[in-house]
Amino acid sequence: MDEKEITSFIAEFESYMASVITSKEKARKFLQDAGIYTKKGRLRKEYRSPSAGLDAR
């Protein structure tokens, strides 16, 4: 990718993100599509913080 393509991609992504954050439902759908949240609205295991008992050593 050259500088012009990168600039264009960033502008498109910013425009897309502006539309995603217009409502809570759109934001949740984006996070589900990205694989961060499950359909039930919970964080996937990879994104949860580790339990305090295991890391407290």
N, C-alpha and C. Protein backbone atom coordinates (compact mmCIF):
# COMPACT_ATOMS: atom_id res chain seq x y z
N MET A 1 0.84 -1.18 0.00
CA MET A 1 0.00 0.00 0.00
C MET A 1 0.88 1.25 0.00
N ASP A 2 0.52 2.16 -0.84
CA ASP A 2 1.26 3.43 -0.82
C ASP A 2 0.54 4.43 0.09
N GLU A 3 1.13 5.58 0.26
CA GLU A 3 0.62 6.59 1.19
C GLU A 3 -0.81 7.02 0.84
N LYS A 4 -1.11 7.14 -0.45
CA LYS A 4 -2.44 7.57 -0.89
C LYS A 4 -3.49 6.51 -0.52
N GLU A 5 -3.18 5.24 -0.71
CA GLU A 5 -4.10 4.16 -0.38
C GLU A 5 -4.34 4.09 1.13
N ILE A 6 -3.30 4.29 1.90
CA ILE A 6 -3.43 4.26 3.35
C ILE A 6 -4.32 5.40 3.83
N THR A 7 -4.09 6.59 3.30
CA THR A 7 -4.91 7.75 3.66
C THR A 7 -6.37 7.52 3.30
N SER A 8 -6.61 6.95 2.14
CA SER A 8 -7.97 6.65 1.70
C SER A 8 -8.63 5.62 2.61
N PHE A 9 -7.88 4.58 2.96
CA PHE A 9 -8.41 3.54 3.84
C PHE A 9 -8.77 4.12 5.21
N ILE A 10 -7.91 4.94 5.76
CA ILE A 10 -8.17 5.55 7.06
C ILE A 10 -9.43 6.42 7.01
N ALA A 11 -9.59 7.19 5.94
CA ALA A 11 -10.77 8.04 5.80
C ALA A 11 -12.04 7.21 5.71
N GLU A 12 -12.00 6.11 4.95
CA GLU A 12 -13.16 5.23 4.83
C GLU A 12 -13.49 4.58 6.16
N PHE A 13 -12.46 4.14 6.87
CA PHE A 13 -12.67 3.49 8.16
C PHE A 13 -13.26 4.46 9.18
N GLU A 14 -12.76 5.68 9.20
CA GLU A 14 -13.30 6.69 10.12
C GLU A 14 -14.76 6.99 9.81
N SER A 15 -15.10 7.03 8.54
CA SER A 15 -16.48 7.25 8.13
C SER A 15 -17.37 6.09 8.58
N TYR A 16 -16.88 4.87 8.41
CA TYR A 16 -17.61 3.68 8.83
C TYR A 16 -17.81 3.68 10.34
N MET A 17 -16.77 3.99 11.09
CA MET A 17 -16.86 4.00 12.54
C MET A 17 -17.82 5.08 13.03
N ALA A 18 -17.87 6.21 12.33
CA ALA A 18 -18.82 7.26 12.70
C ALA A 18 -20.25 6.75 12.57
N SER A 19 -20.51 5.91 11.56
CA SER A 19 -21.86 5.36 11.40
C SER A 19 -22.14 4.27 12.43
N VAL A 20 -21.10 3.54 12.85
CA VAL A 20 -21.28 2.46 13.82
C VAL A 20 -21.65 3.00 15.19
N ILE A 21 -21.07 4.11 15.59
CA ILE A 21 -21.31 4.61 16.94
C ILE A 21 -22.56 5.47 17.07
N THR A 22 -23.38 5.50 16.03
CA THR A 22 -24.61 6.29 16.10
C THR A 22 -25.67 5.66 16.99
N SER A 23 -25.58 4.34 17.21
CA SER A 23 -26.55 3.69 18.09
C SER A 23 -25.89 2.53 18.82
N LYS A 24 -26.47 2.19 19.94
CA LYS A 24 -25.95 1.09 20.76
C LYS A 24 -26.08 -0.24 20.00
N GLU A 25 -27.16 -0.40 19.27
CA GLU A 25 -27.39 -1.64 18.53
C GLU A 25 -26.34 -1.83 17.43
N LYS A 26 -26.03 -0.76 16.71
CA LYS A 26 -25.02 -0.85 15.65
C LYS A 26 -23.65 -1.15 16.23
N ALA A 27 -23.35 -0.56 17.38
CA ALA A 27 -22.06 -0.80 18.03
C ALA A 27 -21.95 -2.26 18.48
N ARG A 28 -23.02 -2.77 19.07
CA ARG A 28 -23.01 -4.18 19.50
C ARG A 28 -22.87 -5.12 18.31
N LYS A 29 -23.56 -4.82 17.23
CA LYS A 29 -23.46 -5.67 16.03
C LYS A 29 -22.04 -5.66 15.50
N PHE A 30 -21.39 -4.50 15.48
CA PHE A 30 -20.00 -4.42 15.04
C PHE A 30 -19.10 -5.28 15.92
N LEU A 31 -19.28 -5.19 17.23
CA LEU A 31 -18.44 -5.97 18.15
C LEU A 31 -18.70 -7.47 18.03
N GLN A 32 -19.94 -7.84 17.73
CA GLN A 32 -20.25 -9.25 17.50
C GLN A 32 -19.62 -9.73 16.19
N ASP A 33 -19.74 -8.92 15.14
CA ASP A 33 -19.16 -9.28 13.85
C ASP A 33 -17.63 -9.38 13.93
N ALA A 34 -17.04 -8.55 14.79
CA ALA A 34 -15.58 -8.57 14.96
C ALA A 34 -15.14 -9.74 15.83
N GLY A 35 -16.08 -10.39 16.50
CA GLY A 35 -15.75 -11.54 17.33
C GLY A 35 -15.32 -11.18 18.74
N ILE A 36 -15.63 -9.99 19.18
CA ILE A 36 -15.26 -9.54 20.52
C ILE A 36 -16.36 -9.92 21.51
N TYR A 37 -17.62 -9.77 21.10
CA TYR A 37 -18.75 -10.13 21.94
C TYR A 37 -19.50 -11.30 21.34
N THR A 38 -20.15 -12.10 22.19
CA THR A 38 -20.99 -13.19 21.73
C THR A 38 -22.37 -12.63 21.37
N LYS A 39 -23.21 -13.45 20.80
CA LYS A 39 -24.57 -13.00 20.46
C LYS A 39 -25.37 -12.67 21.71
N LYS A 40 -25.02 -13.26 22.84
CA LYS A 40 -25.70 -12.97 24.10
C LYS A 40 -25.20 -11.67 24.73
N GLY A 41 -24.17 -11.07 24.17
CA GLY A 41 -23.66 -9.80 24.68
C GLY A 41 -22.54 -9.93 25.70
N ARG A 42 -21.95 -11.10 25.79
CA ARG A 42 -20.84 -11.30 26.73
C ARG A 42 -19.51 -11.25 25.99
N LEU A 43 -18.49 -10.81 26.70
CA LEU A 43 -17.15 -10.80 26.10
C LEU A 43 -16.70 -12.23 25.84
N ARG A 44 -16.03 -12.43 24.73
CA ARG A 44 -15.46 -13.74 24.46
C ARG A 44 -14.32 -13.99 25.43
N LYS A 45 -13.99 -15.23 25.63
CA LYS A 45 -12.98 -15.61 26.61
C LYS A 45 -11.66 -14.88 26.40
N GLU A 46 -11.26 -14.70 25.17
CA GLU A 46 -9.98 -14.07 24.85
C GLU A 46 -9.90 -12.62 25.32
N TYR A 47 -11.06 -11.97 25.52
CA TYR A 47 -11.09 -10.56 25.86
C TYR A 47 -11.46 -10.30 27.33
N ARG A 48 -11.75 -11.35 28.07
CA ARG A 48 -12.05 -11.19 29.49
C ARG A 48 -10.76 -11.02 30.28
N SER A 49 -10.86 -10.32 31.40
CA SER A 49 -9.68 -10.18 32.25
C SER A 49 -9.49 -11.50 33.00
N PRO A 50 -8.25 -11.84 33.26
CA PRO A 50 -8.00 -13.09 33.99
C PRO A 50 -8.55 -13.00 35.41
N SER A 51 -8.90 -14.14 35.97
CA SER A 51 -9.43 -14.10 37.33
C SER A 51 -8.36 -13.64 38.30
N ALA A 52 -8.75 -12.87 39.28
CA ALA A 52 -7.81 -12.28 40.25
C ALA A 52 -7.08 -13.36 41.05
N GLY A 53 -7.73 -14.46 41.34
CA GLY A 53 -7.13 -15.51 42.14
C GLY A 53 -5.93 -16.17 41.49
N LEU A 54 -5.93 -16.27 40.19
CA LEU A 54 -4.83 -16.94 39.50
C LEU A 54 -3.63 -16.05 39.28
N ASP A 55 -3.83 -14.75 39.13
CA ASP A 55 -2.72 -13.85 38.86
C ASP A 55 -2.20 -13.13 40.09
N ALA A 56 -2.75 -13.39 41.24
CA ALA A 56 -2.42 -12.62 42.44
C ALA A 56 -1.16 -13.10 43.15
N ARG A 57 -0.34 -13.89 42.52
CA ARG A 57 0.88 -14.38 43.17
C ARG A 57 1.95 -13.37 43.22
